[in-house]
N, C-alpha and C. Protein backbone atom coordinates (compact mmCIF):
# COMPACT_ATOMS: atom_id res chain seq x y z
N UNK A 1 0.82 -1.19 0.00
CA UNK A 1 0.00 0.00 0.00
C UNK A 1 0.86 1.25 0.00
N UNK A 2 1.98 1.22 0.69
CA UNK A 2 2.84 2.39 0.74
C UNK A 2 3.38 2.73 -0.65
N UNK A 3 3.70 1.71 -1.40
CA UNK A 3 4.25 1.95 -2.74
C UNK A 3 3.16 2.39 -3.72
N UNK A 4 1.92 2.04 -3.49
CA UNK A 4 0.82 2.43 -4.37
C UNK A 4 0.32 3.84 -4.07
N UNK A 5 0.82 4.43 -3.03
CA UNK A 5 0.45 5.79 -2.63
C UNK A 5 -1.06 5.94 -2.47
N UNK A 6 -1.68 5.00 -1.77
CA UNK A 6 -3.11 5.09 -1.50
C UNK A 6 -3.34 6.07 -0.36
N UNK A 7 -4.54 6.55 -0.26
CA UNK A 7 -4.89 7.55 0.76
C UNK A 7 -4.88 6.94 2.16
N UNK A 8 -4.81 7.82 3.15
CA UNK A 8 -4.89 7.38 4.56
C UNK A 8 -6.19 6.63 4.82
N UNK A 9 -7.27 7.13 4.24
CA UNK A 9 -8.58 6.49 4.46
C UNK A 9 -8.57 5.05 3.99
N UNK A 10 -7.97 4.78 2.84
CA UNK A 10 -7.90 3.41 2.31
C UNK A 10 -7.01 2.56 3.21
N UNK A 11 -5.87 3.09 3.61
CA UNK A 11 -4.96 2.35 4.49
C UNK A 11 -5.67 1.99 5.80
N UNK A 12 -6.41 2.95 6.35
CA UNK A 12 -7.11 2.71 7.61
C UNK A 12 -8.21 1.67 7.48
N UNK A 13 -8.77 1.53 6.30
CA UNK A 13 -9.82 0.52 6.08
C UNK A 13 -9.22 -0.85 5.78
N UNK A 14 -8.13 -0.88 5.04
CA UNK A 14 -7.54 -2.15 4.61
C UNK A 14 -6.74 -2.80 5.73
N UNK A 15 -5.96 -2.04 6.47
CA UNK A 15 -5.09 -2.59 7.50
C UNK A 15 -5.84 -3.50 8.49
N UNK A 16 -6.97 -3.06 9.05
CA UNK A 16 -7.68 -3.92 10.01
C UNK A 16 -8.22 -5.21 9.39
N UNK A 17 -8.37 -5.24 8.08
CA UNK A 17 -8.88 -6.47 7.45
C UNK A 17 -7.87 -7.61 7.55
N UNK A 18 -6.65 -7.30 7.94
CA UNK A 18 -5.63 -8.34 8.12
C UNK A 18 -5.59 -8.86 9.55
N UNK A 19 -6.35 -8.25 10.45
CA UNK A 19 -6.33 -8.61 11.86
C UNK A 19 -7.13 -9.87 12.14
N UNK A 20 -6.66 -10.64 13.11
CA UNK A 20 -7.36 -11.81 13.63
C UNK A 20 -7.13 -11.84 15.14
N UNK A 21 -7.96 -12.55 15.85
CA UNK A 21 -7.77 -12.83 17.27
C UNK A 21 -7.48 -11.60 18.12
N UNK A 22 -6.32 -11.61 18.78
CA UNK A 22 -5.95 -10.56 19.74
C UNK A 22 -5.87 -9.20 19.06
N UNK A 23 -5.33 -9.16 17.86
CA UNK A 23 -5.22 -7.88 17.14
C UNK A 23 -6.61 -7.31 16.85
N UNK A 24 -7.54 -8.17 16.44
CA UNK A 24 -8.90 -7.70 16.17
C UNK A 24 -9.58 -7.24 17.45
N UNK A 25 -9.36 -7.96 18.56
CA UNK A 25 -9.92 -7.55 19.85
C UNK A 25 -9.42 -6.17 20.24
N UNK A 26 -8.11 -5.95 20.05
CA UNK A 26 -7.52 -4.65 20.36
C UNK A 26 -8.16 -3.57 19.50
N UNK A 27 -8.26 -3.83 18.21
CA UNK A 27 -8.82 -2.85 17.28
C UNK A 27 -10.27 -2.51 17.65
N UNK A 28 -11.06 -3.52 17.95
CA UNK A 28 -12.48 -3.30 18.27
C UNK A 28 -12.65 -2.50 19.57
N UNK A 29 -11.66 -2.56 20.45
CA UNK A 29 -11.74 -1.84 21.73
C UNK A 29 -11.33 -0.37 21.61
N UNK A 30 -10.76 0.03 20.48
CA UNK A 30 -10.36 1.42 20.31
C UNK A 30 -11.61 2.32 20.29
N UNK A 31 -11.54 3.48 20.92
CA UNK A 31 -12.69 4.39 20.90
C UNK A 31 -12.96 4.85 19.46
N UNK A 32 -14.22 4.89 19.10
CA UNK A 32 -14.60 5.32 17.76
C UNK A 32 -14.13 6.76 17.53
N UNK A 33 -13.53 7.00 16.38
CA UNK A 33 -13.04 8.32 16.03
C UNK A 33 -11.69 8.66 16.63
N UNK A 34 -11.02 7.69 17.25
CA UNK A 34 -9.73 7.97 17.90
C UNK A 34 -8.55 7.94 16.93
N UNK A 35 -8.78 7.55 15.70
CA UNK A 35 -7.71 7.48 14.71
C UNK A 35 -7.97 8.47 13.58
N UNK A 36 -7.15 9.52 13.52
CA UNK A 36 -7.35 10.55 12.51
C UNK A 36 -6.53 10.27 11.25
N UNK A 37 -5.34 9.70 11.44
CA UNK A 37 -4.44 9.45 10.31
C UNK A 37 -3.88 8.04 10.41
N UNK A 38 -3.47 7.51 9.28
CA UNK A 38 -2.88 6.17 9.28
C UNK A 38 -1.62 6.13 10.14
N UNK A 39 -0.86 7.20 10.13
CA UNK A 39 0.35 7.27 10.96
C UNK A 39 -0.01 7.05 12.44
N UNK A 40 -1.09 7.68 12.91
CA UNK A 40 -1.53 7.50 14.29
C UNK A 40 -1.92 6.04 14.54
N UNK A 41 -2.65 5.50 13.57
CA UNK A 41 -3.12 4.11 13.66
C UNK A 41 -1.94 3.15 13.75
N UNK A 42 -1.01 3.28 12.82
CA UNK A 42 0.13 2.36 12.80
C UNK A 42 1.01 2.54 14.04
N UNK A 43 1.14 3.78 14.52
CA UNK A 43 1.93 4.02 15.73
C UNK A 43 1.29 3.37 16.95
N UNK A 44 -0.03 3.51 17.07
CA UNK A 44 -0.73 2.87 18.19
C UNK A 44 -0.58 1.35 18.11
N UNK A 45 -0.74 0.82 16.91
CA UNK A 45 -0.64 -0.62 16.72
C UNK A 45 0.75 -1.12 17.12
N UNK A 46 1.79 -0.48 16.59
CA UNK A 46 3.16 -0.90 16.92
C UNK A 46 3.47 -0.69 18.39
N UNK A 47 2.99 0.40 18.94
CA UNK A 47 3.22 0.66 20.37
C UNK A 47 2.60 -0.41 21.25
N UNK A 48 1.45 -0.89 20.83
CA UNK A 48 0.76 -1.91 21.63
C UNK A 48 1.35 -3.30 21.43
N UNK A 49 1.67 -3.64 20.19
CA UNK A 49 2.06 -5.02 19.90
C UNK A 49 3.56 -5.26 19.82
N UNK A 50 4.37 -4.24 19.86
CA UNK A 50 5.80 -4.49 19.77
C UNK A 50 6.51 -4.35 21.11
N UNK A 51 5.74 -4.21 22.19
CA UNK A 51 6.37 -4.05 23.50
C UNK A 51 6.99 -5.35 24.00
N UNK A 52 6.47 -6.48 23.58
CA UNK A 52 7.02 -7.78 23.96
C UNK A 52 7.50 -8.49 22.72
N UNK A 53 8.54 -9.27 22.89
CA UNK A 53 9.04 -10.09 21.79
C UNK A 53 8.97 -11.54 22.21
N UNK A 54 9.11 -12.41 21.24
CA UNK A 54 9.16 -13.84 21.55
C UNK A 54 10.31 -14.12 22.53
N UNK A 55 11.42 -13.39 22.39
CA UNK A 55 12.55 -13.59 23.30
C UNK A 55 12.16 -13.32 24.74
N UNK A 56 11.29 -12.32 24.96
CA UNK A 56 10.81 -12.02 26.32
C UNK A 56 10.11 -13.24 26.91
N UNK A 57 9.37 -13.97 26.08
CA UNK A 57 8.68 -15.17 26.56
C UNK A 57 9.69 -16.25 26.95
N UNK A 58 10.74 -16.40 26.15
CA UNK A 58 11.76 -17.41 26.47
C UNK A 58 12.56 -17.03 27.71
N UNK A 59 12.57 -15.76 28.06
CA UNK A 59 13.29 -15.30 29.26
C UNK A 59 12.45 -15.42 30.53
N UNK A 60 11.14 -15.62 30.41
CA UNK A 60 10.28 -15.74 31.59
C UNK A 60 10.58 -17.04 32.33
N UNK A 61 10.56 -16.97 33.65
CA UNK A 61 10.80 -18.15 34.48
C UNK A 61 9.78 -18.21 35.60
N UNK A 62 9.40 -19.44 35.95
CA UNK A 62 8.55 -19.65 37.12
C UNK A 62 9.46 -19.53 38.33
N UNK A 63 9.03 -18.75 39.31
CA UNK A 63 9.83 -18.58 40.51
C UNK A 63 9.78 -19.86 41.33
N UNK A 64 10.77 -20.05 42.16
CA UNK A 64 10.91 -21.30 42.90
C UNK A 64 9.67 -21.69 43.68
N UNK A 65 9.03 -20.76 44.34
CA UNK A 65 7.84 -21.10 45.14
C UNK A 65 6.54 -20.57 44.52
N UNK A 66 6.61 -20.20 43.26
CA UNK A 66 5.42 -19.68 42.59
C UNK A 66 4.52 -20.83 42.16
N UNK A 67 3.26 -20.71 42.47
CA UNK A 67 2.28 -21.74 42.09
C UNK A 67 2.18 -21.80 40.57
N UNK A 68 1.92 -22.99 40.06
CA UNK A 68 1.76 -23.19 38.63
C UNK A 68 0.69 -22.26 38.08
N UNK A 69 -0.40 -22.11 38.81
CA UNK A 69 -1.50 -21.25 38.35
C UNK A 69 -1.04 -19.80 38.19
N UNK A 70 -0.22 -19.32 39.12
CA UNK A 70 0.26 -17.94 39.04
C UNK A 70 1.22 -17.75 37.86
N UNK A 71 2.11 -18.71 37.67
CA UNK A 71 3.03 -18.64 36.53
C UNK A 71 2.23 -18.67 35.23
N UNK A 72 1.23 -19.54 35.18
CA UNK A 72 0.41 -19.65 33.97
C UNK A 72 -0.29 -18.32 33.68
N UNK A 73 -0.80 -17.65 34.71
CA UNK A 73 -1.46 -16.35 34.52
C UNK A 73 -0.47 -15.31 34.01
N UNK A 74 0.71 -15.25 34.63
CA UNK A 74 1.73 -14.28 34.19
C UNK A 74 2.14 -14.54 32.75
N UNK A 75 2.38 -15.82 32.45
CA UNK A 75 2.83 -16.18 31.11
C UNK A 75 1.73 -15.92 30.08
N UNK A 76 0.50 -16.26 30.42
CA UNK A 76 -0.62 -16.05 29.49
C UNK A 76 -0.79 -14.58 29.15
N UNK A 77 -0.65 -13.72 30.14
CA UNK A 77 -0.78 -12.28 29.88
C UNK A 77 0.32 -11.80 28.94
N UNK A 78 1.52 -12.33 29.13
CA UNK A 78 2.65 -11.91 28.29
C UNK A 78 2.59 -12.51 26.90
N UNK A 79 2.03 -13.69 26.77
CA UNK A 79 2.07 -14.40 25.48
C UNK A 79 0.82 -14.22 24.63
N UNK A 80 -0.19 -13.55 25.15
CA UNK A 80 -1.48 -13.45 24.44
C UNK A 80 -1.33 -12.98 23.01
N UNK A 81 -0.41 -12.07 22.78
CA UNK A 81 -0.23 -11.52 21.43
C UNK A 81 0.36 -12.51 20.45
N UNK A 82 1.03 -13.52 20.97
CA UNK A 82 1.76 -14.44 20.09
C UNK A 82 1.08 -15.79 19.91
N UNK A 83 0.12 -16.10 20.77
CA UNK A 83 -0.45 -17.45 20.77
C UNK A 83 -1.03 -17.88 19.44
N UNK A 84 -1.70 -16.99 18.74
CA UNK A 84 -2.27 -17.37 17.44
C UNK A 84 -1.20 -17.46 16.37
N UNK A 85 -0.21 -16.58 16.45
CA UNK A 85 0.83 -16.54 15.42
C UNK A 85 1.86 -17.66 15.57
N UNK A 86 2.25 -17.93 16.79
CA UNK A 86 3.32 -18.89 17.06
C UNK A 86 2.95 -19.83 18.21
N UNK A 87 1.92 -20.66 18.06
CA UNK A 87 1.46 -21.48 19.19
C UNK A 87 2.54 -22.43 19.73
N UNK A 88 3.25 -23.13 18.86
CA UNK A 88 4.28 -24.08 19.33
C UNK A 88 5.44 -23.35 20.00
N UNK A 89 5.79 -22.18 19.48
CA UNK A 89 6.86 -21.39 20.06
C UNK A 89 6.47 -20.98 21.48
N UNK A 90 5.22 -20.57 21.67
CA UNK A 90 4.74 -20.17 23.00
C UNK A 90 4.79 -21.35 23.96
N UNK A 91 4.42 -22.53 23.48
CA UNK A 91 4.45 -23.73 24.32
C UNK A 91 5.89 -24.04 24.74
N UNK A 92 6.80 -23.97 23.79
CA UNK A 92 8.22 -24.26 24.09
C UNK A 92 8.78 -23.26 25.10
N UNK A 93 8.44 -21.98 24.93
CA UNK A 93 8.92 -20.96 25.85
C UNK A 93 8.32 -21.18 27.25
N UNK A 94 7.04 -21.52 27.31
CA UNK A 94 6.39 -21.79 28.60
C UNK A 94 7.07 -22.95 29.31
N UNK A 95 7.26 -24.05 28.59
CA UNK A 95 7.88 -25.24 29.16
C UNK A 95 9.31 -24.94 29.64
N UNK A 96 10.03 -24.17 28.85
CA UNK A 96 11.40 -23.82 29.22
C UNK A 96 11.48 -23.00 30.50
N UNK A 97 10.43 -22.25 30.81
CA UNK A 97 10.43 -21.44 32.01
C UNK A 97 9.88 -22.11 33.24
N UNK A 98 9.32 -23.31 33.06
CA UNK A 98 8.74 -24.03 34.20
C UNK A 98 9.82 -24.47 35.19
N UNK A 99 9.51 -24.34 36.47
CA UNK A 99 10.40 -24.87 37.50
C UNK A 99 10.31 -26.39 37.47
N UNK A 100 11.38 -27.05 37.85
CA UNK A 100 11.37 -28.53 37.86
C UNK A 100 10.18 -29.05 38.67
N UNK A 101 9.55 -30.08 38.15
CA UNK A 101 8.41 -30.65 38.87
C UNK A 101 7.63 -31.60 37.99
N UNK A 102 6.53 -32.06 38.53
CA UNK A 102 5.70 -33.06 37.84
C UNK A 102 5.19 -32.54 36.49
N UNK A 103 4.69 -31.31 36.48
CA UNK A 103 4.11 -30.81 35.24
C UNK A 103 5.17 -30.59 34.17
N UNK A 104 6.33 -30.14 34.57
CA UNK A 104 7.43 -29.97 33.62
C UNK A 104 7.80 -31.31 32.99
N UNK A 105 7.85 -32.35 33.82
CA UNK A 105 8.16 -33.70 33.29
C UNK A 105 7.05 -34.18 32.35
N UNK A 106 5.80 -33.89 32.71
CA UNK A 106 4.66 -34.27 31.87
C UNK A 106 4.78 -33.62 30.48
N UNK A 107 5.10 -32.32 30.44
CA UNK A 107 5.23 -31.64 29.14
C UNK A 107 6.46 -32.12 28.37
N UNK A 108 7.47 -32.59 29.07
CA UNK A 108 8.65 -33.12 28.38
C UNK A 108 8.34 -34.44 27.71
N UNK A 109 7.48 -35.23 28.34
CA UNK A 109 7.10 -36.52 27.74
C UNK A 109 6.32 -36.33 26.46
N UNK A 110 5.39 -35.36 26.48
CA UNK A 110 4.56 -35.11 25.30
C UNK A 110 4.25 -33.62 25.23
N UNK A 111 4.95 -32.93 24.34
CA UNK A 111 4.78 -31.48 24.21
C UNK A 111 3.41 -31.16 23.65
N UNK A 112 2.76 -30.17 24.24
CA UNK A 112 1.44 -29.73 23.78
C UNK A 112 1.59 -28.97 22.46
N UNK A 113 0.50 -28.90 21.71
CA UNK A 113 0.55 -28.19 20.43
C UNK A 113 0.08 -26.74 20.53
N UNK A 114 -0.52 -26.38 21.68
CA UNK A 114 -1.00 -25.00 21.86
C UNK A 114 -1.07 -24.69 23.36
N UNK A 115 -1.16 -23.40 23.67
CA UNK A 115 -1.30 -23.00 25.06
C UNK A 115 -2.66 -23.41 25.61
N UNK A 116 -3.65 -23.52 24.76
CA UNK A 116 -4.96 -24.01 25.20
C UNK A 116 -4.82 -25.42 25.73
N UNK A 117 -4.05 -26.24 25.02
CA UNK A 117 -3.81 -27.61 25.47
C UNK A 117 -2.99 -27.62 26.76
N UNK A 118 -2.00 -26.74 26.87
CA UNK A 118 -1.19 -26.64 28.10
C UNK A 118 -2.10 -26.32 29.28
N UNK A 119 -2.99 -25.35 29.11
CA UNK A 119 -3.89 -24.97 30.21
C UNK A 119 -4.78 -26.14 30.63
N UNK A 120 -5.28 -26.87 29.65
CA UNK A 120 -6.15 -28.02 29.95
C UNK A 120 -5.37 -29.09 30.70
N UNK A 121 -4.16 -29.36 30.26
CA UNK A 121 -3.35 -30.39 30.91
C UNK A 121 -2.86 -29.94 32.29
N UNK A 122 -2.73 -28.65 32.50
CA UNK A 122 -2.24 -28.13 33.79
C UNK A 122 -3.32 -28.16 34.87
N UNK A 123 -4.56 -28.26 34.46
CA UNK A 123 -5.68 -28.16 35.41
C UNK A 123 -5.51 -29.09 36.61
N UNK A 124 -5.24 -30.37 36.38
CA UNK A 124 -5.10 -31.33 37.48
C UNK A 124 -3.89 -31.02 38.37
N UNK A 125 -2.82 -30.54 37.77
CA UNK A 125 -1.62 -30.20 38.55
C UNK A 125 -1.89 -28.97 39.42
N UNK A 126 -2.65 -28.03 38.91
CA UNK A 126 -3.01 -26.84 39.69
C UNK A 126 -3.88 -27.24 40.88
N UNK A 127 -4.85 -28.12 40.64
CA UNK A 127 -5.70 -28.60 41.74
C UNK A 127 -4.86 -29.32 42.80
N UNK A 128 -3.93 -30.14 42.35
CA UNK A 128 -3.06 -30.87 43.28
C UNK A 128 -2.24 -29.89 44.13
N UNK A 129 -1.70 -28.84 43.51
CA UNK A 129 -0.95 -27.84 44.26
C UNK A 129 -1.83 -27.14 45.29
N UNK A 130 -3.05 -26.82 44.90
CA UNK A 130 -3.97 -26.15 45.82
C UNK A 130 -4.30 -27.03 47.02
N UNK A 131 -4.52 -28.32 46.77
CA UNK A 131 -4.82 -29.26 47.86
C UNK A 131 -3.63 -29.37 48.79
N UNK A 132 -2.42 -29.48 48.22
CA UNK A 132 -1.21 -29.58 49.04
C UNK A 132 -1.01 -28.31 49.87
N UNK A 133 -1.24 -27.15 49.28
CA UNK A 133 -1.09 -25.89 50.01
C UNK A 133 -2.09 -25.80 51.15
N UNK A 134 -3.31 -26.26 50.91
CA UNK A 134 -4.34 -26.26 51.94
C UNK A 134 -3.95 -27.20 53.09
N UNK A 135 -3.42 -28.37 52.75
CA UNK A 135 -2.98 -29.31 53.79
C UNK A 135 -1.86 -28.72 54.63
N UNK A 136 -0.89 -28.06 53.97
CA UNK A 136 0.22 -27.45 54.72
C UNK A 136 -0.30 -26.37 55.67
N UNK A 137 -1.27 -25.60 55.20
CA UNK A 137 -1.85 -24.55 56.03
C UNK A 137 -2.55 -25.15 57.25
N UNK A 138 -3.28 -26.24 57.04
CA UNK A 138 -3.96 -26.91 58.15
C UNK A 138 -2.96 -27.48 59.14
N UNK A 139 -1.88 -28.07 58.64
CA UNK A 139 -0.85 -28.64 59.51
C UNK A 139 -0.18 -27.55 60.34
N UNK A 140 0.12 -26.40 59.70
CA UNK A 140 0.74 -25.29 60.45
C UNK A 140 -0.21 -24.80 61.55
N UNK A 141 -1.49 -24.68 61.21
CA UNK A 141 -2.47 -24.22 62.19
C UNK A 141 -2.58 -25.20 63.35
N UNK A 142 -2.56 -26.50 63.04
CA UNK A 142 -2.63 -27.52 64.09
C UNK A 142 -1.41 -27.47 64.98
N UNK A 143 -0.24 -27.28 64.36
CA UNK A 143 1.00 -27.20 65.13
C UNK A 143 1.03 -25.97 66.04
N UNK A 144 0.53 -24.86 65.53
CA UNK A 144 0.46 -23.64 66.35
C UNK A 144 -0.50 -23.85 67.51
N UNK A 145 -1.62 -24.50 67.24
CA UNK A 145 -2.62 -24.76 68.29
C UNK A 145 -2.04 -25.66 69.38
N UNK A 146 -1.17 -26.58 68.97
CA UNK A 146 -0.56 -27.48 69.94
C UNK A 146 0.72 -26.93 70.54
N UNK A 147 1.12 -25.74 70.11
CA UNK A 147 2.31 -25.10 70.66
C UNK A 147 3.60 -25.66 70.11
N UNK A 148 3.55 -26.34 68.99
CA UNK A 148 4.77 -26.89 68.38
C UNK A 148 5.50 -25.79 67.62
N UNK A 149 6.80 -25.96 67.58
CA UNK A 149 7.65 -25.02 66.87
C UNK A 149 7.55 -25.26 65.36
N UNK A 150 7.45 -24.18 64.57
CA UNK A 150 7.40 -24.29 63.11
C UNK A 150 8.80 -24.48 62.56
N UNK A 151 8.89 -25.33 61.56
CA UNK A 151 10.19 -25.58 60.91
C UNK A 151 10.21 -24.84 59.60
């Protein structure tokens, strides 16, 4: 379009026709009339979508005591822009950032094809972590009630 020297109005109409998923959601959420020129439009688009790179996803790590659910939420927020474009890449980056444990071993045995699949497979592991955390909390409360020293 730049080489054809089309008008701003045409650029503004054609550009969104290439959007899918997250990009379309972003576009639909823009206030009506907020884009006066294509330059403004493209600047907003690049400003919103170029703040994270795939490398940022590969650099993310689950903290040692961070629950799987919390890591999944952090990672999902960071990867939302890439999931449709690079689903396997997002899965690999997620797995690479997982702390050692049962779920990491599970994904190593059979890599998921999308983050949707990762979330589905993580469900049981998240429940297991929640049950274990609840048990530890009950044990600490019982120990405090009995006057035992916490380790």
